[in-house]
């Protein structure tokens, strides 16, 4: 299971027991949109090759409210 923890500067990720950080700049370049408009599902797709997406995607700005 992958864990994503968002803040205004990026995402802390735990993937297969490995912890790392994706900066907001890196996420913006990878997705092609401003960080606050990116969804949790899109970030998960950066991390996992074939993620099991459940629920509705949520934008970072909505998560941080």
N, C-alpha and C. Protein backbone atom coordinates (compact mmCIF):
# COMPACT_ATOMS: atom_id res chain seq x y z
N UNK A 1 0.83 -1.18 0.00
CA UNK A 1 0.00 0.00 0.00
C UNK A 1 0.88 1.25 0.00
N UNK A 2 0.48 2.24 -0.76
CA UNK A 2 1.20 3.49 -0.86
C UNK A 2 0.48 4.55 -0.03
N UNK A 3 1.26 5.32 0.72
CA UNK A 3 0.70 6.40 1.53
C UNK A 3 1.20 7.73 0.98
N UNK A 4 0.27 8.66 0.77
CA UNK A 4 0.60 10.01 0.31
C UNK A 4 0.19 11.01 1.38
N UNK A 5 1.10 11.89 1.76
CA UNK A 5 0.81 12.95 2.74
C UNK A 5 1.16 14.29 2.09
N UNK A 6 0.14 15.07 1.78
CA UNK A 6 0.31 16.32 1.06
C UNK A 6 0.51 17.50 2.01
N UNK A 7 1.35 18.44 1.58
CA UNK A 7 1.43 19.76 2.20
C UNK A 7 1.64 20.77 1.08
N UNK A 8 1.80 22.02 1.42
CA UNK A 8 1.88 23.06 0.39
C UNK A 8 3.14 22.97 -0.47
N UNK A 9 4.17 22.29 0.03
CA UNK A 9 5.44 22.23 -0.69
C UNK A 9 5.68 20.93 -1.44
N UNK A 10 4.79 19.94 -1.27
CA UNK A 10 4.98 18.67 -1.95
C UNK A 10 4.27 17.53 -1.26
N UNK A 11 4.76 16.33 -1.53
CA UNK A 11 4.10 15.11 -1.05
C UNK A 11 5.14 14.20 -0.40
N UNK A 12 4.87 13.76 0.82
CA UNK A 12 5.66 12.71 1.44
C UNK A 12 5.02 11.39 1.03
N UNK A 13 5.85 10.47 0.55
CA UNK A 13 5.36 9.21 0.01
C UNK A 13 6.01 8.04 0.76
N UNK A 14 5.22 7.03 1.04
CA UNK A 14 5.75 5.74 1.50
C UNK A 14 5.27 4.71 0.48
N UNK A 15 6.23 4.13 -0.24
CA UNK A 15 5.92 3.15 -1.28
C UNK A 15 6.75 1.90 -1.05
N UNK A 16 6.12 0.80 -0.83
CA UNK A 16 6.78 -0.49 -0.57
C UNK A 16 7.85 -0.35 0.51
N UNK A 17 7.51 0.37 1.58
CA UNK A 17 8.41 0.53 2.72
C UNK A 17 9.48 1.59 2.55
N UNK A 18 9.53 2.24 1.40
CA UNK A 18 10.52 3.29 1.16
C UNK A 18 9.85 4.65 1.27
N UNK A 19 10.46 5.53 2.07
CA UNK A 19 9.92 6.87 2.25
C UNK A 19 10.72 7.85 1.39
N UNK A 20 10.01 8.75 0.69
CA UNK A 20 10.66 9.79 -0.09
C UNK A 20 9.71 10.95 -0.26
N UNK A 21 10.21 12.04 -0.81
CA UNK A 21 9.42 13.25 -0.99
C UNK A 21 9.41 13.64 -2.46
N UNK A 22 8.23 14.04 -2.94
CA UNK A 22 8.08 14.63 -4.27
C UNK A 22 7.80 16.11 -4.05
N UNK A 23 8.66 16.96 -4.54
CA UNK A 23 8.45 18.40 -4.39
C UNK A 23 7.29 18.85 -5.28
N UNK A 24 6.68 19.96 -4.92
CA UNK A 24 5.56 20.47 -5.73
C UNK A 24 6.03 20.79 -7.15
N UNK A 25 7.26 21.29 -7.29
CA UNK A 25 7.81 21.59 -8.62
C UNK A 25 7.92 20.32 -9.48
N UNK A 26 8.38 19.25 -8.87
CA UNK A 26 8.52 17.99 -9.59
C UNK A 26 7.15 17.47 -10.03
N UNK A 27 6.16 17.55 -9.14
CA UNK A 27 4.81 17.10 -9.47
C UNK A 27 4.23 17.95 -10.61
N UNK A 28 4.43 19.26 -10.55
CA UNK A 28 3.94 20.15 -11.61
C UNK A 28 4.55 19.80 -12.96
N UNK A 29 5.86 19.54 -12.98
CA UNK A 29 6.52 19.19 -14.25
C UNK A 29 6.02 17.84 -14.77
N UNK A 30 5.81 16.90 -13.87
CA UNK A 30 5.38 15.56 -14.29
C UNK A 30 3.94 15.55 -14.82
N UNK A 31 3.06 16.35 -14.22
CA UNK A 31 1.65 16.36 -14.59
C UNK A 31 1.33 17.44 -15.62
N UNK A 32 2.06 18.55 -15.57
CA UNK A 32 1.82 19.63 -16.53
C UNK A 32 0.77 20.63 -16.11
N UNK A 33 0.48 20.67 -14.81
CA UNK A 33 -0.50 21.63 -14.26
C UNK A 33 0.03 22.15 -12.93
N UNK A 34 -0.52 23.27 -12.47
CA UNK A 34 -0.12 23.77 -11.14
C UNK A 34 -0.39 22.72 -10.05
N UNK A 35 0.50 22.67 -9.08
CA UNK A 35 0.44 21.67 -8.02
C UNK A 35 -0.93 21.61 -7.35
N UNK A 36 -1.50 22.74 -7.03
CA UNK A 36 -2.77 22.77 -6.30
C UNK A 36 -3.93 22.19 -7.12
N UNK A 37 -3.78 22.08 -8.44
CA UNK A 37 -4.82 21.52 -9.30
C UNK A 37 -4.64 20.04 -9.60
N UNK A 38 -3.52 19.48 -9.21
CA UNK A 38 -3.22 18.07 -9.43
C UNK A 38 -4.06 17.23 -8.45
N UNK A 39 -4.46 16.03 -8.86
CA UNK A 39 -5.24 15.17 -7.98
C UNK A 39 -4.36 14.11 -7.31
N UNK A 40 -4.88 13.58 -6.22
CA UNK A 40 -4.18 12.50 -5.52
C UNK A 40 -4.00 11.29 -6.43
N UNK A 41 -4.96 11.01 -7.29
CA UNK A 41 -4.84 9.88 -8.22
C UNK A 41 -3.68 10.10 -9.20
N UNK A 42 -3.51 11.33 -9.67
CA UNK A 42 -2.41 11.62 -10.59
C UNK A 42 -1.06 11.43 -9.91
N UNK A 43 -0.95 11.85 -8.67
CA UNK A 43 0.31 11.66 -7.94
C UNK A 43 0.56 10.17 -7.72
N UNK A 44 -0.47 9.43 -7.38
CA UNK A 44 -0.32 7.99 -7.18
C UNK A 44 0.17 7.32 -8.46
N UNK A 45 -0.29 7.79 -9.61
CA UNK A 45 0.16 7.23 -10.90
C UNK A 45 1.63 7.52 -11.16
N UNK A 46 2.17 8.59 -10.59
CA UNK A 46 3.61 8.87 -10.71
C UNK A 46 4.40 7.84 -9.94
N UNK A 47 3.88 7.45 -8.78
CA UNK A 47 4.61 6.57 -7.86
C UNK A 47 4.47 5.10 -8.22
N UNK A 48 3.26 4.65 -8.49
CA UNK A 48 2.99 3.23 -8.74
C UNK A 48 2.79 2.97 -10.24
N UNK A 49 3.31 1.86 -10.73
CA UNK A 49 3.14 1.56 -12.16
C UNK A 49 1.69 1.26 -12.54
N UNK A 50 0.94 0.60 -11.68
CA UNK A 50 -0.45 0.24 -11.98
C UNK A 50 -1.28 0.34 -10.70
N UNK A 51 -1.57 1.57 -10.25
CA UNK A 51 -2.25 1.73 -8.95
C UNK A 51 -3.71 1.28 -8.99
N UNK A 52 -4.17 0.80 -7.84
CA UNK A 52 -5.58 0.47 -7.67
C UNK A 52 -6.27 1.74 -7.17
N UNK A 53 -6.89 2.47 -8.09
CA UNK A 53 -7.52 3.75 -7.75
C UNK A 53 -8.93 3.50 -7.22
N UNK A 54 -9.21 4.06 -6.05
CA UNK A 54 -10.53 3.92 -5.45
C UNK A 54 -11.05 5.30 -5.06
N UNK A 55 -12.34 5.45 -5.06
CA UNK A 55 -12.95 6.72 -4.69
C UNK A 55 -12.76 7.77 -5.76
N UNK A 56 -13.27 8.95 -5.48
CA UNK A 56 -13.15 10.07 -6.40
C UNK A 56 -11.80 10.74 -6.24
N UNK A 57 -11.16 11.17 -7.33
CA UNK A 57 -9.91 11.90 -7.20
C UNK A 57 -10.15 13.23 -6.49
N UNK A 58 -9.18 13.63 -5.68
CA UNK A 58 -9.28 14.90 -4.94
C UNK A 58 -8.10 15.79 -5.29
N UNK A 59 -8.38 17.06 -5.57
CA UNK A 59 -7.32 18.01 -5.88
C UNK A 59 -6.54 18.34 -4.61
N UNK A 60 -5.27 18.64 -4.78
CA UNK A 60 -4.40 18.98 -3.65
C UNK A 60 -5.01 20.14 -2.87
N UNK A 61 -5.51 21.17 -3.55
CA UNK A 61 -6.06 22.32 -2.82
C UNK A 61 -7.24 21.92 -1.96
N UNK A 62 -8.02 20.93 -2.37
CA UNK A 62 -9.14 20.46 -1.55
C UNK A 62 -8.66 19.62 -0.37
N UNK A 63 -7.61 18.86 -0.58
CA UNK A 63 -7.04 18.04 0.50
C UNK A 63 -6.48 18.94 1.60
N UNK A 64 -5.87 20.06 1.22
CA UNK A 64 -5.20 20.93 2.19
C UNK A 64 -6.16 21.86 2.92
N UNK A 65 -7.40 21.89 2.54
CA UNK A 65 -8.39 22.78 3.23
C UNK A 65 -8.69 22.28 4.60
